[in-house]
Amino acid sequence: MIKKPYYMIDFSASACLFEIRINDYPVAHMDIAGQVASTIPINFAIL
Protein backbone atom coordinates (compact mmCIF):
# COMPACT_ATOMS: atom_id res chain seq x y z
CA MET A 1 0.00 0.00 0.00
CA ILE A 2 1.36 3.42 -1.00
CA LYS A 3 0.66 6.24 1.44
CA LYS A 4 0.68 9.82 0.19
CA PRO A 5 2.28 12.51 2.37
CA TYR A 6 -0.08 14.98 4.04
CA TYR A 7 1.16 18.57 4.05
CA MET A 8 0.03 21.26 6.48
CA ILE A 9 0.86 24.92 7.13
CA ASP A 10 1.10 26.02 10.74
CA PHE A 11 0.82 29.80 11.10
CA SER A 12 0.06 32.60 13.52
CA ALA A 13 -0.79 36.24 12.82
CA SER A 14 -1.64 39.38 14.74
CA ALA A 15 -3.43 42.55 13.55
CA CYS A 16 -2.85 42.17 9.83
CA LEU A 17 -4.32 41.30 6.43
CA PHE A 18 -2.60 38.30 4.85
CA GLU A 19 -2.93 35.71 2.12
CA ILE A 20 -1.17 32.35 1.93
CA ARG A 21 -0.62 30.99 -1.58
CA ILE A 22 0.74 27.65 -2.77
CA ASN A 23 1.64 27.52 -6.48
CA ASP A 24 -0.18 30.86 -6.84
CA TYR A 25 -3.39 29.23 -5.53
CA PRO A 26 -4.83 31.03 -2.46
CA VAL A 27 -5.28 28.62 0.46
CA ALA A 28 -6.00 31.25 3.14
CA HIS A 29 -6.98 34.92 3.12
CA MET A 30 -7.77 36.67 6.39
CA ASP A 31 -8.12 40.16 7.85
CA ILE A 32 -7.20 39.78 11.51
CA ALA A 33 -8.09 42.47 14.06
CA GLY A 34 -6.73 40.46 17.01
CA GLN A 35 -4.68 37.27 17.04
CA VAL A 36 -5.11 33.92 15.29
CA ALA A 37 -3.15 30.69 15.02
CA SER A 38 -4.12 27.66 12.99
CA THR A 39 -3.02 24.66 11.00
CA ILE A 40 -4.51 24.16 7.54
CA PRO A 41 -4.12 21.33 5.01
CA ILE A 42 -2.57 22.27 1.65
CA ASN A 43 -2.49 19.02 -0.36
CA PHE A 44 -5.23 20.30 -2.68
CA ALA A 45 -2.98 23.20 -3.76
CA ILE A 46 0.15 21.16 -4.52
CA LEU A 47 0.43 20.37 -8.21
PDB file of N, CA and C in Angstrom:
ATOM      1  N   MET A   1       0.839  -1.167   0.000  1.00  0.00           N
ATOM      2  CA  MET A   1       0.000   0.000   0.000  1.00  0.00           C
ATOM      3  C   MET A   1       0.897   1.247   0.000  1.00  0.00           C
ATOM      4  N   ILE A   2       0.602   2.172  -0.911  1.00  0.00           N
ATOM      5  CA  ILE A   2       1.357   3.423  -0.999  1.00  0.00           C
ATOM      6  C   ILE A   2       0.589   4.495  -0.242  1.00  0.00           C
ATOM      7  N   LYS A   3       1.268   5.155   0.679  1.00  0.00           N
ATOM      8  CA  LYS A   3       0.658   6.243   1.436  1.00  0.00           C
ATOM      9  C   LYS A   3       1.185   7.572   0.920  1.00  0.00           C
ATOM     10  N   LYS A   4       0.280   8.496   0.654  1.00  0.00           N
ATOM     11  CA  LYS A   4       0.676   9.824   0.194  1.00  0.00           C
ATOM     12  C   LYS A   4       0.990  10.699   1.395  1.00  0.00           C
ATOM     13  N   PRO A   5       1.994  11.577   1.271  1.00  0.00           N
ATOM     14  CA  PRO A   5       2.275  12.508   2.372  1.00  0.00           C
ATOM     15  C   PRO A   5       1.142  13.518   2.521  1.00  0.00           C
ATOM     16  N   TYR A   6       0.960  14.004   3.723  1.00  0.00           N
ATOM     17  CA  TYR A   6      -0.078  14.976   4.039  1.00  0.00           C
ATOM     18  C   TYR A   6       0.611  16.247   4.505  1.00  0.00           C
ATOM     19  N   TYR A   7       0.472  17.321   3.749  1.00  0.00           N
ATOM     20  CA  TYR A   7       1.164  18.569   4.046  1.00  0.00           C
ATOM     21  C   TYR A   7       0.234  19.566   4.723  1.00  0.00           C
ATOM     22  N   MET A   8       0.779  20.266   5.711  1.00  0.00           N
ATOM     23  CA  MET A   8       0.028  21.259   6.481  1.00  0.00           C
ATOM     24  C   MET A   8       0.873  22.527   6.613  1.00  0.00           C
ATOM     25  N   ILE A   9       0.197  23.656   6.785  1.00  0.00           N
ATOM     26  CA  ILE A   9       0.858  24.918   7.127  1.00  0.00           C
ATOM     27  C   ILE A   9       0.405  25.291   8.532  1.00  0.00           C
ATOM     28  N   ASP A  10       1.364  25.573   9.376  1.00  0.00           N
ATOM     29  CA  ASP A  10       1.098  26.025  10.743  1.00  0.00           C
ATOM     30  C   ASP A  10       1.477  27.503  10.783  1.00  0.00           C
ATOM     31  N   PHE A  11       0.521  28.371  11.120  1.00  0.00           N
ATOM     32  CA  PHE A  11       0.815  29.801  11.102  1.00  0.00           C
ATOM     33  C   PHE A  11       0.175  30.512  12.289  1.00  0.00           C
ATOM     34  N   SER A  12       0.677  31.705  12.551  1.00  0.00           N
ATOM     35  CA  SER A  12       0.062  32.605  13.524  1.00  0.00           C
ATOM     36  C   SER A  12       0.196  34.026  12.981  1.00  0.00           C
ATOM     37  N   ALA A  13      -0.789  34.866  13.307  1.00  0.00           N
ATOM     38  CA  ALA A  13      -0.786  36.245  12.822  1.00  0.00           C
ATOM     39  C   ALA A  13      -1.434  37.141  13.864  1.00  0.00           C
ATOM     40  N   SER A  14      -1.097  38.422  13.791  1.00  0.00           N
ATOM     41  CA  SER A  14      -1.645  39.385  14.737  1.00  0.00           C
ATOM     42  C   SER A  14      -1.842  40.722  14.038  1.00  0.00           C
ATOM     43  N   ALA A  15      -3.076  41.223  14.063  1.00  0.00           N
ATOM     44  CA  ALA A  15      -3.430  42.548  13.554  1.00  0.00           C
ATOM     45  C   ALA A  15      -2.894  42.811  12.155  1.00  0.00           C
ATOM     46  N   CYS A  16      -3.321  41.985  11.192  1.00  0.00           N
ATOM     47  CA  CYS A  16      -2.850  42.172   9.829  1.00  0.00           C
ATOM     48  C   CYS A  16      -3.833  41.575   8.822  1.00  0.00           C
ATOM     49  N   LEU A  17      -3.613  41.893   7.558  1.00  0.00           N
ATOM     50  CA  LEU A  17      -4.315  41.298   6.434  1.00  0.00           C
ATOM     51  C   LEU A  17      -3.289  40.438   5.725  1.00  0.00           C
ATOM     52  N   PHE A  18      -3.583  39.157   5.510  1.00  0.00           N
ATOM     53  CA  PHE A  18      -2.604  38.305   4.849  1.00  0.00           C
ATOM     54  C   PHE A  18      -3.277  37.286   3.949  1.00  0.00           C
ATOM     55  N   GLU A  19      -2.483  36.759   3.026  1.00  0.00           N
ATOM     56  CA  GLU A  19      -2.935  35.711   2.121  1.00  0.00           C
ATOM     57  C   GLU A  19      -1.805  34.694   1.994  1.00  0.00           C
ATOM     58  N   ILE A  20      -2.142  33.437   2.119  1.00  0.00           N
ATOM     59  CA  ILE A  20      -1.166  32.353   1.935  1.00  0.00           C
ATOM     60  C   ILE A  20      -1.469  31.708   0.597  1.00  0.00           C
ATOM     61  N   ARG A  21      -0.465  31.594  -0.261  1.00  0.00           N
ATOM     62  CA  ARG A  21      -0.620  30.989  -1.582  1.00  0.00           C
ATOM     63  C   ARG A  21       0.360  29.840  -1.759  1.00  0.00           C
ATOM     64  N   ILE A  22      -0.104  28.779  -2.386  1.00  0.00           N
ATOM     65  CA  ILE A  22       0.738  27.649  -2.768  1.00  0.00           C
ATOM     66  C   ILE A  22       0.579  27.501  -4.275  1.00  0.00           C
ATOM     67  N   ASN A  23       1.691  27.561  -5.011  1.00  0.00           N
ATOM     68  CA  ASN A  23       1.642  27.516  -6.482  1.00  0.00           C
ATOM     69  C   ASN A  23       0.672  28.556  -7.041  1.00  0.00           C
ATOM     70  N   ASP A  24       0.677  29.736  -6.459  1.00  0.00           N
ATOM     71  CA  ASP A  24      -0.176  30.863  -6.836  1.00  0.00           C
ATOM     72  C   ASP A  24      -1.663  30.570  -6.652  1.00  0.00           C
ATOM     73  N   TYR A  25      -2.005  29.569  -5.847  1.00  0.00           N
ATOM     74  CA  TYR A  25      -3.386  29.226  -5.526  1.00  0.00           C
ATOM     75  C   TYR A  25      -3.643  29.651  -4.078  1.00  0.00           C
ATOM     76  N   PRO A  26      -4.598  30.567  -3.837  1.00  0.00           N
ATOM     77  CA  PRO A  26      -4.830  31.026  -2.463  1.00  0.00           C
ATOM     78  C   PRO A  26      -5.428  29.916  -1.584  1.00  0.00           C
ATOM     79  N   VAL A  27      -4.776  29.629  -0.478  1.00  0.00           N
ATOM     80  CA  VAL A  27      -5.280  28.617   0.462  1.00  0.00           C
ATOM     81  C   VAL A  27      -5.831  29.266   1.729  1.00  0.00           C
ATOM     82  N   ALA A  28      -5.469  30.522   1.986  1.00  0.00           N
ATOM     83  CA  ALA A  28      -6.003  31.249   3.140  1.00  0.00           C
ATOM     84  C   ALA A  28      -5.901  32.741   2.875  1.00  0.00           C
ATOM     85  N   HIS A  29      -6.954  33.461   3.237  1.00  0.00           N
ATOM     86  CA  HIS A  29      -6.982  34.918   3.117  1.00  0.00           C
ATOM     87  C   HIS A  29      -7.772  35.430   4.319  1.00  0.00           C
ATOM     88  N   MET A  30      -7.106  36.211   5.165  1.00  0.00           N
ATOM     89  CA  MET A  30      -7.770  36.668   6.386  1.00  0.00           C
ATOM     90  C   MET A  30      -7.400  38.108   6.704  1.00  0.00           C
ATOM     91  N   ASP A  31      -8.348  38.818   7.316  1.00  0.00           N
ATOM     92  CA  ASP A  31      -8.121  40.160   7.850  1.00  0.00           C
ATOM     93  C   ASP A  31      -8.300  40.028   9.357  1.00  0.00           C
ATOM     94  N   ILE A  32      -7.215  40.072  10.079  1.00  0.00           N
ATOM     95  CA  ILE A  32      -7.202  39.783  11.506  1.00  0.00           C
ATOM     96  C   ILE A  32      -7.131  41.076  12.312  1.00  0.00           C
ATOM     97  N   ALA A  33      -8.124  41.301  13.171  1.00  0.00           N
ATOM     98  CA  ALA A  33      -8.093  42.466  14.059  1.00  0.00           C
ATOM     99  C   ALA A  33      -7.331  42.135  15.352  1.00  0.00           C
ATOM    100  N   GLY A  34      -7.415  40.886  15.786  1.00  0.00           N
ATOM    101  CA  GLY A  34      -6.732  40.464  17.010  1.00  0.00           C
ATOM    102  C   GLY A  34      -5.612  39.496  16.691  1.00  0.00           C
ATOM    103  N   GLN A  35      -5.699  38.291  17.247  1.00  0.00           N
ATOM    104  CA  GLN A  35      -4.684  37.266  17.042  1.00  0.00           C
ATOM    105  C   GLN A  35      -5.340  35.992  16.560  1.00  0.00           C
ATOM    106  N   VAL A  36      -4.612  35.223  15.754  1.00  0.00           N
ATOM    107  CA  VAL A  36      -5.106  33.925  15.292  1.00  0.00           C
ATOM    108  C   VAL A  36      -3.917  32.997  15.086  1.00  0.00           C
ATOM    109  N   ALA A  37      -4.134  31.728  15.314  1.00  0.00           N
ATOM    110  CA  ALA A  37      -3.146  30.690  15.015  1.00  0.00           C
ATOM    111  C   ALA A  37      -3.929  29.480  14.543  1.00  0.00           C
ATOM    112  N   SER A  38      -3.409  28.801  13.541  1.00  0.00           N
ATOM    113  CA  SER A  38      -4.124  27.657  12.993  1.00  0.00           C
ATOM    114  C   SER A  38      -3.183  26.753  12.217  1.00  0.00           C
ATOM    115  N   THR A  39      -3.698  25.595  11.875  1.00  0.00           N
ATOM    116  CA  THR A  39      -3.017  24.663  10.996  1.00  0.00           C
ATOM    117  C   THR A  39      -4.013  24.296   9.900  1.00  0.00           C
ATOM    118  N   ILE A  40      -3.604  24.456   8.635  1.00  0.00           N
ATOM    119  CA  ILE A  40      -4.512  24.155   7.540  1.00  0.00           C
ATOM    120  C   ILE A  40      -3.867  23.162   6.577  1.00  0.00           C
ATOM    121  N   PRO A  41      -4.656  22.267   5.996  1.00  0.00           N
ATOM    122  CA  PRO A  41      -4.119  21.325   5.008  1.00  0.00           C
ATOM    123  C   PRO A  41      -3.889  22.034   3.672  1.00  0.00           C
ATOM    124  N   ILE A  42      -2.866  21.622   2.932  1.00  0.00           N
ATOM    125  CA  ILE A  42      -2.567  22.268   1.650  1.00  0.00           C
ATOM    126  C   ILE A  42      -2.393  21.271   0.511  1.00  0.00           C
ATOM    127  N   ASN A  43      -2.678  20.001   0.702  1.00  0.00           N
ATOM    128  CA  ASN A  43      -2.492  19.016  -0.359  1.00  0.00           C
ATOM    129  C   ASN A  43      -3.240  19.400  -1.638  1.00  0.00           C
ATOM    130  N   PHE A  44      -4.435  19.956  -1.510  1.00  0.00           N
ATOM    131  CA  PHE A  44      -5.230  20.305  -2.684  1.00  0.00           C
ATOM    132  C   PHE A  44      -4.564  21.352  -3.560  1.00  0.00           C
ATOM    133  N   ALA A  45      -3.631  22.135  -3.015  1.00  0.00           N
ATOM    134  CA  ALA A  45      -2.976  23.202  -3.762  1.00  0.00           C
ATOM    135  C   ALA A  45      -1.635  22.791  -4.364  1.00  0.00           C
ATOM    136  N   ILE A  46      -1.138  21.628  -4.010  1.00  0.00           N
ATOM    137  CA  ILE A  46       0.146  21.157  -4.522  1.00  0.00           C
ATOM    138  C   ILE A  46      -0.080  20.456  -5.844  1.00  0.00           C
ATOM    139  N   LEU A  47       0.596  20.947  -6.875  1.00  0.00           N
ATOM    140  CA  LEU A  47       0.429  20.367  -8.213  1.00  0.00           C
ATOM    141  C   LEU A  47       1.180  19.073  -8.368  1.00  0.00           C
TER     142      LEU A  47
END
